[in-house]
Structure formats: structure tokens, C-alpha cells
């Protein structure tokens, strides 16, 4: 995606926080990520972003449930009532938040679903050198 150079005045405490969390990333890359997340959360109330083992992902606020997990379940029958039964621990408003996020950002969520479907025991074993069991 192309970028546009623009000048902004940013409060000192915000810059300090960006510097604190950026690790080895350029400050402008971290600022772009934070702005993108903030805009997505504003567009889709009830969605937050949280760090996971594979990076930051959209989640339903107040839960550990990622949006792609809800959408993956929803795609089975494309029925909100079936989704409520499949995920009874989530309120209807939480499910709707996930559906709204998917409607706004389908490519992102479809990519997570595709990557999850590609996980097999063989692909995991190929990524990690797991010790082989000795036959008895």
C-alpha cells in the first residue's frame, strides 16, 4: 500500500508511548498500526485488538475470542440463531460486532480462516523439529 508523507503534531506522552512499545520497529510503522487499529475499533464498536502468538488480531471485547473464529463458525450455516447456539457464551451484540467487523474487513478475516485451515499435524511437525517417538 502506498504511503503519503504528512506532518502531524503529536503530544509528547504519545510519542514516548510509541517509543516504549516499538522495539525494533520504526516509529512511523508503529504509529500507522495504532492509527489503523483505532480507526477499525471506532468503525466497529465492540471489537478490540490484542496481541497473540501470531501477532495482533481483532477480538470481541471482553473475551479471548477472535473475530475470525466467530466468522468461521458463522459460515457453516450463515444463520445467527445457529451461531448463538454454537457460541452460547457470547451475547448477541458480541456476535453482531464480529459480523459487522467481517462485513467491513472481509479480506483480513478470510486470510485468518484460510491460514487456520492450512494447519495440519504435518504442517506443524514441519515447522518445528518435534522429537520422534520411539516404537515399543
Protein backbone atom coordinates (compact mmCIF):
# COMPACT_ATOMS: atom_id res chain seq x y z
CA UNK A 1 0.00 0.00 0.00
CA UNK A 2 1.38 3.41 -0.87
CA UNK A 3 2.08 5.98 1.78
CA UNK A 4 1.73 9.73 1.82
CA UNK A 5 4.06 11.96 3.73
CA UNK A 6 2.25 14.35 6.01
CA UNK A 7 3.26 16.35 9.04
CA UNK A 8 1.40 15.97 12.34
CA UNK A 9 1.95 17.41 15.76
CA UNK A 10 1.81 14.64 18.33
CA UNK A 11 1.74 15.11 22.08
CA UNK A 12 4.95 14.19 23.85
CA UNK A 13 3.39 11.45 26.05
CA UNK A 14 2.04 9.74 22.91
CA UNK A 15 5.47 9.78 21.29
CA UNK A 16 7.00 8.39 24.46
CA UNK A 17 4.47 5.56 24.46
CA UNK A 18 5.18 4.79 20.80
CA UNK A 19 8.90 4.69 21.58
CA UNK A 20 8.21 2.38 24.55
CA UNK A 21 6.28 -0.20 22.52
CA UNK A 22 8.05 -0.05 19.18
CA UNK A 23 11.01 -2.33 20.00
CA UNK A 24 12.93 -2.60 16.70
CA UNK A 25 10.16 -1.22 14.50
CA UNK A 26 10.31 2.28 13.04
CA UNK A 27 8.16 4.75 14.97
CA UNK A 28 6.11 5.61 11.89
CA UNK A 29 5.25 1.90 11.36
CA UNK A 30 4.01 1.60 14.95
CA UNK A 31 2.04 4.86 14.64
CA UNK A 32 0.42 3.55 11.43
CA UNK A 33 -0.56 0.27 13.12
CA UNK A 34 -2.05 2.11 16.09
CA UNK A 35 -3.99 4.50 13.87
CA UNK A 36 -5.33 1.64 11.76
CA UNK A 37 -6.48 -0.27 14.85
CA UNK A 38 -8.07 2.84 16.36
CA UNK A 39 -9.99 3.56 13.15
CA UNK A 40 -11.18 -0.05 12.91
CA UNK A 41 -12.34 -0.03 16.55
CA UNK A 42 -14.17 3.24 16.00
CA UNK A 43 -15.85 1.83 12.88
CA UNK A 44 -16.73 -1.45 14.64
CA UNK A 45 -17.66 -0.89 18.31
CA UNK A 46 -17.23 -3.99 20.46
CA UNK A 47 -14.01 -5.02 18.72
CA UNK A 48 -10.55 -4.63 20.22
CA UNK A 49 -7.07 -5.69 19.19
CA UNK A 50 -4.90 -7.91 21.32
CA UNK A 51 -1.50 -9.49 20.96
CA UNK A 52 -1.44 -13.20 20.30
CA UNK A 53 1.24 -15.72 19.43
CA UNK A 54 0.96 -14.76 15.76
CA UNK A 55 0.57 -11.02 16.19
CA UNK A 56 -2.23 -8.58 16.87
CA UNK A 57 -5.72 -9.67 15.91
CA UNK A 58 -9.26 -8.39 16.13
CA UNK A 59 -11.13 -9.83 19.10
CA UNK A 60 -14.51 -9.42 20.67
CA UNK A 61 -14.08 -7.01 23.60
CA UNK A 62 -14.16 -8.67 26.99
CA UNK A 63 -13.36 -12.12 25.60
CA UNK A 64 -10.44 -14.03 24.19
CA UNK A 65 -12.49 -14.90 21.11
CA UNK A 66 -11.06 -13.68 17.83
CA UNK A 67 -13.36 -12.36 15.12
CA UNK A 68 -12.22 -14.97 12.60
CA UNK A 69 -13.34 -17.75 14.98
CA UNK A 70 -16.89 -16.38 15.06
CA UNK A 71 -16.97 -15.90 11.29
CA UNK A 72 -15.59 -19.37 10.69
CA UNK A 73 -18.46 -20.78 12.74
CA UNK A 74 -21.00 -18.46 11.08
CA UNK A 75 -20.00 -19.59 7.59
CA UNK A 76 -21.18 -23.11 8.37
CA UNK A 77 -24.88 -22.19 8.20
CA UNK A 78 -24.94 -18.39 7.82
CA UNK A 79 -27.64 -18.25 10.46
CA UNK A 80 -27.46 -16.01 13.54
CA UNK A 81 -29.63 -18.38 15.59
CA UNK A 82 -27.30 -21.30 14.86
CA UNK A 83 -24.35 -19.06 15.71
CA UNK A 84 -25.92 -18.20 19.08
CA UNK A 85 -26.27 -21.92 19.83
CA UNK A 86 -22.71 -22.68 18.70
CA UNK A 87 -21.26 -19.87 20.83
CA UNK A 88 -23.65 -19.59 23.78
CA UNK A 89 -21.08 -17.81 25.94
CA UNK A 90 -21.25 -14.77 23.64
CA UNK A 91 -24.07 -12.23 23.73
CA UNK A 92 -25.94 -11.41 20.54
CA UNK A 93 -24.39 -7.92 20.49
CA UNK A 94 -20.92 -9.51 20.59
CA UNK A 95 -21.76 -11.79 17.68
CA UNK A 96 -23.14 -8.83 15.74
CA UNK A 97 -19.94 -6.87 16.44
CA UNK A 98 -17.94 -9.72 14.88
CA UNK A 99 -20.27 -9.89 11.87
CA UNK A 100 -20.00 -6.12 11.41
CA UNK A 101 -16.21 -6.30 11.54
CA UNK A 102 -16.24 -9.05 8.93
CA UNK A 103 -18.51 -7.00 6.71
CA UNK A 104 -16.05 -4.10 6.92
CA UNK A 105 -12.83 -6.15 6.61
CA UNK A 106 -13.60 -9.47 4.88
CA UNK A 107 -10.17 -9.91 3.29
CA UNK A 108 -8.42 -9.74 6.66
CA UNK A 109 -10.73 -12.29 8.28
CA UNK A 110 -10.77 -14.62 5.26
CA UNK A 111 -6.96 -14.69 5.38
CA UNK A 112 -7.03 -15.80 9.04
CA UNK A 113 -9.58 -18.51 8.24
CA UNK A 114 -7.53 -19.72 5.29
CA UNK A 115 -4.35 -19.83 7.38
CA UNK A 116 -6.14 -21.76 10.13
CA UNK A 117 -7.50 -24.30 7.65
CA UNK A 118 -3.97 -24.88 6.36
CA UNK A 119 -2.80 -26.09 9.78
CA UNK A 120 -2.39 -29.84 9.80
CA UNK A 121 -0.34 -32.14 12.02
CA UNK A 122 2.12 -32.43 9.15
CA UNK A 123 2.48 -28.67 8.72
CA UNK A 124 3.05 -28.23 12.45
CA UNK A 125 5.65 -31.02 12.51
CA UNK A 126 7.34 -29.41 9.52
CA UNK A 127 7.64 -26.05 11.29
CA UNK A 128 9.03 -27.48 14.48
CA UNK A 129 11.55 -30.21 14.87
CA UNK A 130 9.45 -32.40 17.10
CA UNK A 131 11.16 -35.43 18.60
CA UNK A 132 10.05 -38.68 17.06
CA UNK A 133 8.50 -41.26 19.31
CA UNK A 134 10.32 -44.50 19.58
CA UNK A 135 8.23 -47.52 18.76
CA UNK A 136 7.85 -50.01 21.56
